[in-house]
N, C-alpha and C. Protein backbone atom coordinates (compact mmCIF):
# COMPACT_ATOMS: atom_id res chain seq x y z
N MET A 1 -34.71 71.81 113.12
CA MET A 1 -34.48 72.86 114.13
C MET A 1 -34.19 73.87 113.28
N ALA A 2 -34.55 75.25 113.93
CA ALA A 2 -34.09 76.38 113.04
C ALA A 2 -33.56 77.38 114.31
N THR A 3 -32.46 78.01 113.87
CA THR A 3 -31.78 79.02 114.60
C THR A 3 -32.33 80.36 114.22
N ILE A 4 -32.97 81.08 115.01
CA ILE A 4 -33.58 82.45 114.57
C ILE A 4 -32.56 83.45 115.36
N GLN A 5 -32.29 84.52 114.58
CA GLN A 5 -31.71 85.79 115.00
C GLN A 5 -32.30 86.94 114.40
N GLU A 6 -32.56 87.87 115.30
CA GLU A 6 -33.15 89.28 114.81
C GLU A 6 -34.32 88.84 113.83
N GLY A 7 -35.22 87.91 114.28
CA GLY A 7 -36.41 87.56 113.48
C GLY A 7 -36.28 86.77 112.18
N LEU A 8 -35.00 86.37 111.86
CA LEU A 8 -34.80 85.71 110.55
C LEU A 8 -34.32 84.17 110.79
N ILE A 9 -34.55 83.22 109.99
CA ILE A 9 -33.78 82.04 109.92
C ILE A 9 -32.49 81.98 109.60
N VAL A 10 -31.60 81.71 110.46
CA VAL A 10 -29.95 81.91 109.93
C VAL A 10 -29.41 80.40 109.77
N GLU A 11 -30.05 79.58 110.60
CA GLU A 11 -29.82 78.15 110.19
C GLU A 11 -30.72 77.09 110.44
N GLU A 12 -30.81 75.94 109.59
CA GLU A 12 -31.63 74.83 109.81
C GLU A 12 -30.98 73.75 109.90
N THR A 13 -31.23 72.78 110.84
CA THR A 13 -30.55 71.76 111.18
C THR A 13 -31.58 70.51 111.52
N MET A 14 -31.36 69.43 110.92
CA MET A 14 -32.08 68.33 110.81
C MET A 14 -31.52 67.48 111.86
N VAL A 15 -32.23 66.82 112.77
CA VAL A 15 -31.54 66.14 114.04
C VAL A 15 -32.49 64.71 113.95
N THR A 16 -31.67 63.80 114.71
CA THR A 16 -32.58 62.43 114.67
C THR A 16 -32.84 62.45 116.03
N PRO A 17 -34.10 62.22 116.36
CA PRO A 17 -34.21 62.24 117.81
C PRO A 17 -34.22 60.65 118.32
N PRO A 18 -34.20 60.64 119.62
CA PRO A 18 -33.93 59.37 120.12
C PRO A 18 -35.37 58.49 120.03
N ALA A 19 -35.18 57.09 120.14
CA ALA A 19 -36.27 56.26 120.02
C ALA A 19 -37.31 56.93 120.91
N HIS A 20 -38.80 56.58 120.43
CA HIS A 20 -39.97 57.41 121.14
C HIS A 20 -39.98 56.28 122.37
N GLU A 21 -40.23 57.11 123.43
CA GLU A 21 -40.56 56.52 124.75
C GLU A 21 -41.45 57.61 125.39
N PRO A 22 -42.57 57.21 126.15
CA PRO A 22 -43.57 58.25 126.81
C PRO A 22 -42.54 59.18 127.48
N GLY A 23 -42.75 60.57 127.35
CA GLY A 23 -42.35 61.51 128.28
C GLY A 23 -40.91 61.81 127.85
N LEU A 24 -40.12 61.28 126.86
CA LEU A 24 -38.87 61.44 126.64
C LEU A 24 -38.58 62.58 125.82
N TYR A 25 -39.32 62.90 124.68
CA TYR A 25 -39.08 64.01 123.75
C TYR A 25 -39.16 65.48 124.50
N PRO A 26 -40.06 65.72 125.35
CA PRO A 26 -40.18 67.15 125.90
C PRO A 26 -38.61 67.50 126.57
N ALA A 27 -38.06 66.60 127.22
CA ALA A 27 -36.64 66.77 127.98
C ALA A 27 -35.66 66.87 126.76
N TRP A 28 -35.66 65.96 125.78
CA TRP A 28 -34.70 65.97 124.80
C TRP A 28 -34.74 67.24 123.96
N VAL A 29 -35.95 67.70 123.54
CA VAL A 29 -36.07 68.86 122.97
C VAL A 29 -35.55 70.02 123.61
N GLY A 30 -35.93 70.14 124.88
CA GLY A 30 -35.30 71.31 125.78
C GLY A 30 -33.85 71.25 125.83
N GLN A 31 -33.30 70.11 125.76
CA GLN A 31 -31.66 70.02 125.96
C GLN A 31 -31.24 70.43 124.56
N GLN A 32 -31.91 70.56 123.64
CA GLN A 32 -31.46 70.96 122.24
C GLN A 32 -31.49 72.52 122.12
N GLY A 33 -32.17 73.21 123.14
CA GLY A 33 -32.22 74.59 123.14
C GLY A 33 -33.48 75.01 122.52
N VAL A 34 -34.55 74.27 122.35
CA VAL A 34 -35.69 74.63 121.60
C VAL A 34 -36.49 75.47 122.41
N GLY A 35 -37.20 76.50 122.13
CA GLY A 35 -38.22 77.24 122.88
C GLY A 35 -39.57 77.16 122.48
N THR A 36 -39.76 76.56 121.19
CA THR A 36 -41.12 76.53 120.63
C THR A 36 -41.16 75.54 119.81
N VAL A 37 -42.29 74.57 119.93
CA VAL A 37 -42.54 73.59 119.07
C VAL A 37 -43.86 73.80 118.35
N ILE A 38 -44.08 73.51 117.08
CA ILE A 38 -45.15 73.59 116.25
C ILE A 38 -45.50 72.19 115.66
N ALA A 39 -46.73 71.79 115.85
CA ALA A 39 -47.05 70.33 115.69
C ALA A 39 -48.32 70.40 115.11
N GLY A 40 -48.71 69.36 114.23
CA GLY A 40 -50.11 69.14 113.75
C GLY A 40 -51.04 68.53 114.83
N GLY A 41 -50.48 67.89 115.79
CA GLY A 41 -51.11 67.28 116.80
C GLY A 41 -50.26 66.78 117.86
N MET A 42 -50.93 66.72 119.33
CA MET A 42 -50.10 66.43 120.26
C MET A 42 -51.12 66.33 121.57
N GLY A 43 -50.90 65.11 122.16
CA GLY A 43 -51.66 64.68 123.39
C GLY A 43 -51.50 65.68 124.41
N GLU A 44 -52.53 65.81 125.42
CA GLU A 44 -52.40 66.71 126.58
C GLU A 44 -51.24 66.28 127.41
N LYS A 45 -51.12 65.30 127.74
CA LYS A 45 -49.79 64.89 128.76
C LYS A 45 -48.45 65.44 127.91
N ALA A 46 -48.36 65.18 126.64
CA ALA A 46 -47.06 65.74 126.05
C ALA A 46 -47.05 67.45 126.02
N LYS A 47 -48.13 67.85 125.85
CA LYS A 47 -48.19 69.14 125.92
C LYS A 47 -47.79 69.79 127.15
N GLU A 48 -48.31 69.23 128.36
CA GLU A 48 -47.88 69.63 129.82
C GLU A 48 -46.48 69.27 129.99
N LEU A 49 -45.70 68.29 129.55
CA LEU A 49 -44.36 67.95 129.53
C LEU A 49 -43.45 69.02 128.80
N PHE A 50 -44.02 69.45 127.72
CA PHE A 50 -43.26 70.53 127.02
C PHE A 50 -43.23 71.82 127.81
N ARG A 51 -44.55 72.13 128.28
CA ARG A 51 -44.60 73.43 129.21
C ARG A 51 -43.71 73.16 130.45
N GLN A 52 -43.63 72.18 131.00
CA GLN A 52 -42.70 71.89 132.19
C GLN A 52 -41.31 72.22 131.79
N GLU A 53 -40.81 72.14 130.46
CA GLU A 53 -39.36 72.35 130.00
C GLU A 53 -39.47 73.86 129.47
N ASN A 54 -40.46 74.75 129.82
CA ASN A 54 -40.39 75.98 129.32
C ASN A 54 -40.35 76.15 127.84
N ILE A 55 -41.26 75.04 127.06
CA ILE A 55 -41.30 75.01 125.65
C ILE A 55 -42.63 75.55 125.27
N GLN A 56 -42.70 76.44 124.56
CA GLN A 56 -44.12 76.93 124.07
C GLN A 56 -44.77 76.03 122.89
N VAL A 57 -45.83 75.66 122.98
CA VAL A 57 -46.36 74.75 122.02
C VAL A 57 -47.73 75.30 121.36
N PHE A 58 -47.49 74.74 120.06
CA PHE A 58 -48.28 75.27 118.95
C PHE A 58 -49.02 74.02 118.37
N VAL A 59 -50.34 73.68 118.39
CA VAL A 59 -50.67 72.45 117.87
C VAL A 59 -51.83 72.91 116.95
N GLY A 60 -52.28 71.94 115.93
CA GLY A 60 -53.12 72.13 114.89
C GLY A 60 -52.62 72.97 113.74
N ALA A 61 -51.14 72.83 113.62
CA ALA A 61 -50.60 73.65 112.42
C ALA A 61 -50.84 73.04 111.03
N ASP A 62 -50.97 73.90 110.05
CA ASP A 62 -51.29 73.25 108.64
C ASP A 62 -50.22 72.47 108.22
N ALA A 63 -50.40 71.50 107.21
CA ALA A 63 -49.46 70.76 106.73
C ALA A 63 -48.60 71.60 105.68
N LYS A 64 -47.40 71.83 106.39
CA LYS A 64 -46.42 72.71 105.42
C LYS A 64 -45.09 72.38 105.85
N THR A 65 -44.07 72.86 105.16
CA THR A 65 -42.76 72.53 105.43
C THR A 65 -42.14 73.09 106.70
N PRO A 66 -41.37 72.57 107.39
CA PRO A 66 -40.97 73.03 108.81
C PRO A 66 -40.54 74.51 108.72
N ARG A 67 -39.63 74.88 107.37
CA ARG A 67 -39.39 76.23 107.12
C ARG A 67 -40.53 77.14 106.98
N GLU A 68 -41.60 76.70 106.43
CA GLU A 68 -42.74 77.51 105.99
C GLU A 68 -43.43 77.85 107.47
N LEU A 69 -43.58 76.96 108.19
CA LEU A 69 -44.16 76.98 109.39
C LEU A 69 -43.47 77.93 110.37
N VAL A 70 -42.12 77.74 110.26
CA VAL A 70 -41.28 78.83 111.14
C VAL A 70 -41.38 80.25 110.71
N GLU A 71 -41.53 80.35 109.43
CA GLU A 71 -41.61 81.57 108.69
C GLU A 71 -42.88 82.12 109.18
N ASP A 72 -43.87 81.55 108.91
CA ASP A 72 -45.30 82.01 109.59
C ASP A 72 -45.34 82.49 110.92
N PHE A 73 -44.56 81.62 111.86
CA PHE A 73 -44.42 81.87 113.14
C PHE A 73 -43.88 83.34 113.32
N LEU A 74 -42.82 83.56 112.79
CA LEU A 74 -42.01 84.76 112.75
C LEU A 74 -42.86 85.77 112.10
N LYS A 75 -43.68 85.68 111.27
CA LYS A 75 -44.38 86.97 110.64
C LYS A 75 -45.82 87.00 111.65
N ASN A 76 -45.86 86.18 112.72
CA ASN A 76 -47.23 86.31 113.38
C ASN A 76 -48.49 85.84 112.67
N SER A 77 -48.16 84.77 111.57
CA SER A 77 -49.29 84.51 110.61
C SER A 77 -49.36 83.02 110.95
N LEU A 78 -48.92 82.29 111.93
CA LEU A 78 -49.12 80.82 111.90
C LEU A 78 -50.39 80.69 112.19
N VAL A 79 -51.07 79.72 111.40
CA VAL A 79 -52.53 79.17 111.48
C VAL A 79 -52.41 77.81 112.24
N THR A 80 -53.19 77.89 113.39
CA THR A 80 -53.57 76.67 113.90
C THR A 80 -54.91 76.60 114.09
N GLY A 81 -55.25 75.21 114.18
CA GLY A 81 -56.63 74.91 114.27
C GLY A 81 -56.85 73.81 115.08
N GLU A 82 -57.62 72.69 114.76
CA GLU A 82 -57.92 71.42 115.58
C GLU A 82 -56.79 70.81 115.68
N ASN A 83 -56.55 70.27 116.90
CA ASN A 83 -55.46 69.32 117.33
C ASN A 83 -55.77 68.03 116.57
N SER A 84 -54.72 67.63 115.67
CA SER A 84 -54.81 66.51 114.93
C SER A 84 -54.44 65.15 115.76
N CYS A 85 -54.07 65.11 116.90
CA CYS A 85 -53.91 63.95 117.72
C CYS A 85 -55.25 63.35 117.85
N ASN A 86 -55.48 62.22 117.49
CA ASN A 86 -56.74 61.40 117.63
C ASN A 86 -56.73 60.20 118.52
N HIS A 87 -55.85 60.00 119.37
CA HIS A 87 -55.75 58.88 120.21
C HIS A 87 -55.53 59.15 121.48
N ASP A 88 -56.04 58.11 122.40
CA ASP A 88 -55.82 58.45 123.79
C ASP A 88 -54.36 57.99 124.32
N HIS A 89 -54.13 58.76 125.23
CA HIS A 89 -52.66 58.49 125.85
C HIS A 89 -52.83 57.73 127.31
């Protein structure tokens, strides 16, 4: 996770998520105070669950470090493309 103030990354925190269960991550991420998720891929159901938590979702992000992705987002230069989620849910 990255804490942003005045358009700058002021803190980076690595957190361990709970065990994966369908539908659990969006609520957990929301409880962490996250407002935006950047991912390479994500199923439609997951995207909808994040939206229900008022979390903005970007999928199809390039394979970069989390910091690089956040910096791109902050500079309005985040490149997204095809959703890399390739399995049914």
